[in-house]
Protein backbone atom coordinates (compact mmCIF):
# COMPACT_ATOMS: atom_id res chain seq x y z
CA MET A 1 -3.57 34.83 43.14
CA SER A 2 -1.64 37.77 45.24
CA SER A 3 0.81 37.08 48.33
CA SER A 4 0.84 40.49 50.64
CA ASN A 5 3.91 41.24 49.56
CA GLY A 6 2.71 41.79 45.63
CA HIS A 7 4.46 38.11 44.64
CA GLN A 8 2.10 36.65 42.76
CA GLU A 9 0.77 32.71 44.97
CA LEU A 10 3.56 29.90 44.00
CA THR A 11 1.95 26.73 44.68
CA ARG A 12 2.47 23.63 42.72
CA ASP A 13 -1.06 24.19 40.61
CA ALA A 14 0.88 27.64 39.92
CA ILE A 15 3.91 26.45 38.73
CA MET A 16 1.59 23.24 36.23
CA ALA A 17 -0.24 25.77 34.86
CA ALA A 18 2.93 28.38 34.04
CA LEU A 19 4.17 25.42 32.81
CA GLN A 20 1.65 24.16 30.13
CA PRO A 21 2.79 26.33 27.02
CA VAL A 22 7.34 24.96 27.48
CA GLN A 23 6.95 22.33 24.29
CA GLU A 24 9.50 19.13 24.40
CA PRO A 25 11.43 20.35 21.48
CA GLU A 26 11.61 17.17 19.58
CA ILE A 27 8.10 15.95 20.47
CA GLY A 28 6.77 19.17 19.38
CA LYS A 29 4.07 18.89 22.74
CA SER A 30 3.45 20.59 25.89
CA ILE A 31 5.67 18.70 29.36
CA ILE A 32 2.39 18.45 31.21
CA ASP A 33 0.80 17.08 28.72
CA LEU A 34 3.22 14.26 28.06
CA LYS A 35 3.93 13.84 32.01
CA MET A 36 7.22 14.52 32.29
CA VAL A 37 6.37 16.80 35.12
CA SER A 38 6.84 13.78 37.92
CA SER A 39 7.03 16.08 40.56
CA VAL A 40 6.69 20.00 42.21
CA GLU A 41 8.75 21.24 45.41
CA VAL A 42 7.95 24.72 46.33
CA ASN A 43 10.11 26.16 49.81
CA GLY A 44 9.11 29.81 50.58
CA ARG A 45 10.17 31.24 46.88
CA HIS A 46 12.34 28.84 45.76
CA VAL A 47 10.92 25.63 43.34
CA SER A 48 12.60 22.16 43.26
CA LEU A 49 11.36 20.10 40.03
CA HIS A 50 12.25 17.05 38.31
CA ILE A 51 11.29 15.90 34.29
CA GLU A 52 11.14 12.97 33.53
CA GLN A 53 12.01 12.97 29.46
CA ALA A 54 10.80 10.52 26.65
CA THR A 55 13.81 10.34 24.61
CA PRO A 56 17.21 10.42 25.61
CA GLY A 57 19.60 12.62 24.48
CA ASP A 58 21.49 15.92 26.15
CA THR A 59 20.04 18.51 23.59
CA THR A 60 16.92 18.29 24.36
CA ARG A 61 17.66 17.91 28.03
CA ARG A 62 19.50 21.95 28.03
CA GLN A 63 17.00 23.09 25.10
CA LEU A 64 14.00 22.06 28.25
CA GLU A 65 15.93 23.83 31.48
CA ASP A 66 16.19 27.40 29.37
CA ALA A 67 12.44 26.74 28.16
CA ILE A 68 11.25 26.42 31.79
CA ARG A 69 13.77 28.82 33.94
CA SER A 70 12.30 31.38 31.91
CA THR A 71 8.87 30.77 31.58
CA LEU A 72 8.66 30.37 35.82
CA ASP A 73 11.32 33.69 36.21
CA ALA A 74 8.26 35.62 33.10
CA THR A 75 5.69 34.63 35.52
CA PHE A 76 6.74 35.21 39.19
CA THR A 77 7.95 37.32 40.66
CA GLY A 78 11.17 37.60 43.01
CA LEU A 79 11.65 33.94 42.11
CA GLY A 80 14.16 32.20 44.56
CA ALA A 81 16.63 29.35 43.23
CA VAL A 82 15.19 27.17 40.70
CA SER A 83 16.51 23.37 41.38
CA ILE A 84 16.06 21.19 38.10
CA THR A 85 16.60 17.67 38.21
CA PHE A 86 16.17 14.79 35.10
CA SER A 87 16.21 11.53 34.67
CA THR A 88 14.85 9.82 31.13
CA LYS A 89 12.12 6.68 30.65
CA VAL A 90 11.98 5.62 27.31
CA LYS A 91 8.63 4.35 27.06
CA ALA A 92 7.45 0.68 24.55
CA SER A 93 5.43 2.07 22.05
CA GLY A 94 2.43 -0.04 21.54
CA SER A 95 2.41 0.55 17.83
CA GLY A 96 2.77 -2.23 15.06
CA ARG A 97 0.31 -5.28 15.49
CA SER A 98 -1.58 -6.11 17.86
CA ASP A 99 -1.96 -9.93 18.09
CA ALA A 100 2.40 -10.20 17.14
CA GLN A 101 4.68 -11.04 20.18
CA PRO A 102 6.73 -8.01 21.55
CA ILE A 103 10.33 -9.59 22.23
CA LYS A 104 11.11 -9.74 25.44
CA GLY A 105 13.33 -7.00 27.41
CA VAL A 106 13.00 -5.16 23.66
CA LYS A 107 10.99 -1.69 23.98
CA ASN A 108 11.02 -0.39 20.67
CA THR A 109 11.57 -2.04 17.29
CA ILE A 110 13.52 0.31 14.29
CA ALA A 111 13.71 -1.68 11.33
CA VAL A 112 16.16 0.09 7.93
CA ALA A 113 14.39 -0.47 5.18
CA SER A 114 15.07 -0.23 1.28
CA GLY A 115 13.44 -0.80 -1.59
CA LYS A 116 16.94 -1.66 -3.74
CA GLY A 117 20.34 -2.13 -3.21
CA GLY A 118 23.79 0.44 -2.92
CA VAL A 119 22.18 3.28 -1.46
CA GLY A 120 23.74 3.22 2.32
CA LYS A 121 21.21 1.47 4.16
CA SER A 122 23.18 -0.41 6.76
CA THR A 123 25.80 2.63 7.06
CA VAL A 124 21.89 3.85 7.66
CA ALA A 125 21.18 1.53 10.78
CA ALA A 126 24.56 1.64 12.04
CA ASN A 127 24.92 5.02 12.71
CA LEU A 128 21.88 5.06 13.72
CA ALA A 129 22.16 2.61 16.83
CA VAL A 130 25.76 4.05 17.48
CA ALA A 131 23.69 7.73 17.73
CA LEU A 132 20.99 6.02 19.71
CA ALA A 133 23.81 4.42 22.17
CA GLN A 134 25.69 8.15 22.05
CA SER A 135 22.28 9.83 23.93
CA GLY A 136 22.40 7.14 26.55
CA ALA A 137 19.86 4.68 25.59
CA SER A 138 20.39 0.51 25.63
CA VAL A 139 20.45 -0.41 22.03
CA GLY A 140 20.51 -3.08 19.75
CA LEU A 141 21.22 -3.64 16.31
CA LEU A 142 20.41 -6.90 14.00
CA ASP A 143 21.97 -7.26 10.84
CA ALA A 144 18.82 -8.97 8.97
CA ASP A 145 20.66 -8.76 5.82
CA VAL A 146 21.28 -12.51 5.78
CA TYR A 147 22.15 -12.87 2.17
CA GLY A 148 24.89 -9.56 2.28
CA PRO A 149 25.26 -9.36 6.32
CA SER A 150 28.04 -6.47 6.62
CA ILE A 151 27.75 -5.55 10.15
CA PRO A 152 31.13 -6.74 11.11
CA LEU A 153 32.95 -5.06 8.57
CA MET A 154 31.17 -1.41 9.47
CA PHE A 155 31.26 -2.63 13.94
CA GLY A 156 35.45 -4.39 12.92
CA THR A 157 34.64 -8.08 14.75
CA ASN A 158 34.36 -11.14 13.51
CA ASP A 159 34.03 -12.42 17.15
CA LYS A 160 31.82 -15.86 17.67
CA PRO A 161 28.79 -15.11 20.00
CA LEU A 162 28.68 -16.78 22.77
CA MET A 163 26.26 -19.39 24.06
CA ARG A 164 24.59 -18.38 28.16
CA ASN A 165 21.61 -20.71 29.30
CA ASN A 166 20.65 -21.90 25.97
CA LYS A 167 20.62 -18.13 24.61
CA ILE A 168 23.25 -16.26 21.79
CA VAL A 169 24.85 -13.65 23.55
CA PRO A 170 25.49 -10.63 21.07
CA ILE A 171 28.65 -8.81 21.06
CA GLU A 172 29.11 -5.35 22.48
CA ARG A 173 30.88 -2.81 19.57
CA HIS A 174 30.50 0.84 20.80
CA GLY A 175 27.66 0.81 22.94
CA VAL A 176 25.51 -1.60 20.55
CA HIS A 177 24.99 -5.62 20.74
CA LEU A 178 25.38 -7.11 17.89
CA MET A 179 23.83 -10.09 15.88
CA SER A 180 24.41 -10.92 12.53
CA ILE A 181 24.75 -13.98 10.83
CA GLY A 182 28.27 -12.88 9.64
CA PHE A 183 29.61 -13.44 13.11
CA ILE A 184 28.39 -17.56 12.63
CA LEU A 185 29.14 -18.35 9.04
CA ASP A 186 32.42 -17.81 6.97
CA PRO A 187 32.26 -14.02 5.39
CA GLU A 188 33.51 -15.77 1.88
CA LYS A 189 30.74 -18.17 2.15
CA ALA A 190 27.73 -17.42 0.28
CA LEU A 191 24.38 -18.17 1.56
CA ILE A 192 21.98 -20.39 -0.84
CA TRP A 193 18.55 -20.66 2.00
CA ARG A 194 15.23 -20.96 0.77
CA GLY A 195 12.03 -18.72 2.31
CA PRO A 196 11.53 -20.89 5.28
CA LEU A 197 15.12 -21.83 5.87
CA VAL A 198 15.60 -17.49 6.19
CA ALA A 199 12.60 -17.14 8.31
CA GLN A 200 13.73 -19.81 11.23
CA LEU A 201 17.15 -17.87 11.31
CA ILE A 202 15.04 -14.44 11.73
CA ASN A 203 12.96 -16.88 14.35
CA GLN A 204 16.07 -18.05 15.74
CA PHE A 205 17.89 -14.23 16.43
CA LEU A 206 14.41 -13.21 17.31
CA ASN A 207 13.75 -14.92 20.76
CA ASP A 208 17.48 -16.90 21.02
CA VAL A 209 19.22 -13.70 21.36
CA GLU A 210 19.64 -12.43 24.84
CA TRP A 211 19.40 -9.21 24.27
CA GLY A 212 18.60 -7.83 27.17
CA GLU A 213 16.83 -4.81 28.60
CA LEU A 214 17.16 -2.62 25.21
CA ASP A 215 15.10 0.86 24.95
CA TYR A 216 15.77 0.26 20.58
CA LEU A 217 16.43 -2.89 18.81
CA ILE A 218 17.53 -1.86 14.88
CA ILE A 219 16.90 -3.77 12.38
CA ASP A 220 18.70 -3.89 9.76
CA LEU A 221 16.75 -5.64 6.76
CA PRO A 222 17.70 -6.92 3.18
CA PRO A 223 16.48 -4.70 0.16
CA GLY A 224 13.49 -5.13 -1.10
CA THR A 225 10.23 -6.67 -0.29
CA GLY A 226 11.02 -10.56 0.58
CA ASP A 227 10.03 -13.42 2.65
CA VAL A 228 12.45 -11.75 5.91
CA GLN A 229 10.55 -8.75 5.76
CA LEU A 230 7.39 -10.52 6.35
CA THR A 231 8.08 -12.63 8.45
CA LEU A 232 9.36 -9.81 11.13
CA VAL A 233 6.23 -7.96 10.87
CA GLN A 234 4.30 -10.63 11.44
CA LYS A 235 6.84 -12.39 14.44
CA ILE A 236 7.12 -9.10 16.42
CA PRO A 237 5.15 -5.45 16.32
CA ILE A 238 7.00 -2.95 14.64
CA SER A 239 7.04 -0.40 16.10
CA GLY A 240 7.96 1.93 13.72
CA ALA A 241 9.81 1.31 9.88
CA VAL A 242 12.53 3.99 8.62
CA ILE A 243 12.94 3.74 4.75
CA VAL A 244 16.07 4.80 3.46
CA THR A 245 16.99 6.09 0.05
CA THR A 246 19.33 8.69 -2.58
CA PRO A 247 17.97 11.46 -3.74
CA GLN A 248 17.90 10.38 -7.84
CA GLU A 249 14.61 8.75 -9.08
CA VAL A 250 15.93 5.62 -9.96
CA ALA A 251 16.20 5.09 -5.89
CA VAL A 252 13.43 6.71 -4.94
CA ALA A 253 10.66 5.29 -6.76
CA ASP A 254 11.71 2.05 -5.15
CA ALA A 255 11.79 3.39 -1.97
CA VAL A 256 7.88 3.90 -2.12
CA LYS A 257 8.27 0.72 -3.47
CA GLY A 258 9.07 -0.45 0.87
CA LEU A 259 6.87 2.12 2.12
CA LYS A 260 3.91 1.35 0.64
CA MET A 261 4.44 -2.27 1.81
CA PHE A 262 4.69 -1.21 6.24
CA GLN A 263 1.85 0.94 5.24
CA GLU A 264 -0.40 -2.17 3.68
CA VAL A 265 0.94 -4.76 6.91
CA LYS A 266 -0.19 -2.39 9.04
CA THR A 267 3.27 -0.86 10.32
CA PRO A 268 4.11 2.39 11.22
CA VAL A 269 6.39 4.33 8.69
CA LEU A 270 8.74 6.43 11.13
CA GLY A 271 9.81 8.79 7.76
CA ILE A 272 12.22 9.05 5.19
CA VAL A 273 15.85 9.13 5.07
CA GLU A 274 17.83 10.57 2.05
CA ASN A 275 21.00 9.36 2.46
CA MET A 276 24.17 10.29 -0.07
CA SER A 277 22.40 14.25 0.04
CA GLY A 278 25.37 15.97 -1.51
CA PHE A 279 28.94 14.99 -1.66
CA VAL A 280 30.95 17.35 1.18
CA CYS A 281 33.67 18.23 -0.38
CA PRO A 282 36.79 17.72 1.80
CA ASN A 283 38.97 20.53 0.55
CA CYS A 284 36.16 23.51 0.06
CA ASN A 285 33.97 22.14 2.50
CA GLU A 286 30.87 22.60 -0.25
CA ILE A 287 28.06 20.48 -0.63
CA HIS A 288 27.54 19.58 -4.22
CA ASP A 289 24.51 17.55 -5.38
CA ILE A 290 26.18 14.41 -7.50
CA PHE A 291 23.56 12.35 -6.54
CA GLY A 292 20.02 14.63 -8.36
CA THR A 293 18.46 16.64 -4.87
CA GLY A 294 14.92 16.52 -3.25
CA GLY A 295 13.96 13.04 -4.35
CA GLY A 296 13.62 11.88 -0.52
CA LYS A 297 11.68 15.35 0.29
CA ASP A 298 8.82 15.48 -2.37
CA THR A 299 8.47 11.41 -1.30
CA ALA A 300 7.95 12.58 2.42
CA GLU A 301 5.55 15.43 1.28
CA LYS A 302 3.54 13.36 -1.40
CA TYR A 303 2.72 9.59 0.87
CA GLU A 304 2.83 12.46 4.20
CA VAL A 305 5.08 11.21 6.55
CA GLU A 306 8.44 13.07 8.00
CA LEU A 307 11.72 13.33 5.89
CA LEU A 308 13.33 12.55 9.30
CA GLY A 309 16.75 13.59 7.28
CA GLN A 310 19.22 14.37 4.88
CA VAL A 311 22.70 13.13 4.70
CA PRO A 312 25.35 13.78 2.67
CA ILE A 313 28.22 11.81 2.32
CA GLU A 314 31.38 13.09 2.63
CA PRO A 315 34.98 10.50 2.96
CA ALA A 316 34.73 9.98 7.09
CA VAL A 317 31.97 7.35 6.09
CA ARG A 318 33.78 5.44 4.21
CA ILE A 319 36.80 4.75 5.68
CA GLY A 320 34.67 4.69 9.38
CA GLY A 321 32.86 1.93 7.89
CA ASP A 322 35.83 0.41 6.19
CA ASP A 323 37.38 0.45 9.52
CA GLY A 324 34.97 -0.95 11.73
CA VAL A 325 34.10 2.76 13.12
CA PRO A 326 30.93 4.45 12.66
CA VAL A 327 31.30 7.76 11.56
CA VAL A 328 29.32 9.23 14.39
CA ALA A 329 32.03 7.83 16.85
CA THR A 330 34.78 9.09 15.27
CA HIS A 331 33.32 12.53 13.81
CA PRO A 332 30.79 12.95 15.33
CA GLU A 333 30.83 17.23 14.73
CA SER A 334 30.64 16.50 11.29
CA VAL A 335 28.08 17.36 8.52
CA THR A 336 27.46 13.86 8.65
CA GLY A 337 28.03 12.96 11.79
CA GLN A 338 25.57 15.91 13.08
CA ALA A 339 22.65 14.66 10.57
CA PHE A 340 23.41 11.06 11.95
CA ALA A 341 22.44 12.38 15.93
CA HIS A 342 19.96 14.37 14.32
CA LEU A 343 18.20 11.30 12.11
CA ALA A 344 18.38 9.91 15.62
CA ARG A 345 16.66 12.25 17.85
CA ARG A 346 13.81 12.27 15.59
CA ALA A 347 13.49 9.02 15.41
CA ALA A 348 13.04 9.06 18.94
CA ALA A 349 10.96 11.50 19.09
CA ARG A 350 8.60 9.79 17.38
CA LEU A 351 8.59 6.43 19.27
CA ALA A 352 8.13 8.46 22.15
CA ALA A 353 5.02 10.58 21.05
CA ASP A 354 3.64 6.98 20.44
CA ALA A 355 4.30 5.44 22.69
CA ILE A 356 2.48 8.04 24.25
CA SER A 357 -0.16 8.27 22.68
CA LYS A 358 -0.70 4.39 21.38
CA PRO A 359 1.53 2.68 24.85
CA ARG A 360 1.77 -1.28 24.36
CA LYS A 361 -1.09 -3.64 25.76
CA PRO A 362 0.35 -5.75 28.85
CA THR A 363 1.01 -9.34 27.18
CA ILE A 364 -1.44 -11.49 29.00
CA MET A 365 0.02 -15.01 28.79
CA LEU A 366 -2.97 -17.77 29.41
CA LYS A 367 -2.23 -20.77 31.24
CA THR A 368 -3.74 -24.89 30.23
CA VAL A 369 -6.39 -26.18 32.59
CA ARG A 370 -5.61 -30.06 33.17
């Protein structure tokens, strides 16, 4: 319908219809279907929109704004000023075991796992956490690798956590709330505990830590498929698991075991991260495939999960890990820093899509009648 001056009538319904083809860049679905357009105001030929994003970050925000403006300009002739404001509201995913009890205040839990040690799992967990925090999310990182806690070293702190109202207060570094057995025990003392004691420790970290309101809690798991993994999936609803591997066959074979374990316990697998996906030469900036190539990609395709990212290795990763500053904080524009940022966006997008399609059901507390 056109108005008397030849311009297409500018109404809320017409604007919503015009924006239907515009997709959220990371989720890949219409912003209308995702209910991201929370308000539309029309004043003559001027339009004001408010967009509520389900994932944090400025990159998708800029892409969305450009797509919205170009779509409205192409649809409505004589369009006046278009004002677009944004906010972010990360939703809680309803994935994971329905009989498990969520951690109070935590919207999404991401388990970072590997089938074997030495693939850089903790490096991935640390940089994923910092990258999400840099995007504006509230993030916690639980070092559940109780036999080899490395998060204190990677974040450059051995501070002892305080107690407040009978709760353990996490250490904060680079915008991330941290908890690790390494903050409590002597870092040079080996942890020689049997399964029940380890399960008790994990329960304490889940229930007795004052995590506060978190968009994401990253859980750095020990390698393999043992007591810690089983305790976690039984106690809390894991929103999604990230499986870390390196390109070579021996690492991929073990990664598949971890992937299948999560599938068997009905925990969603967000995807695979191929770490050490080539070495970035500091002299020529070329990437050399010193660990082979394609293992993570082939595995993702075979088991029909997403390849969340291929993260190369470069000296800055090792230096940052030893100095207690993750590479996304020291060298965010590096090849590796950008790869971790991409991983964070993809993981957040996968969780957002799950949260929209399967929102978490409210917890019902039953009172005992005496």
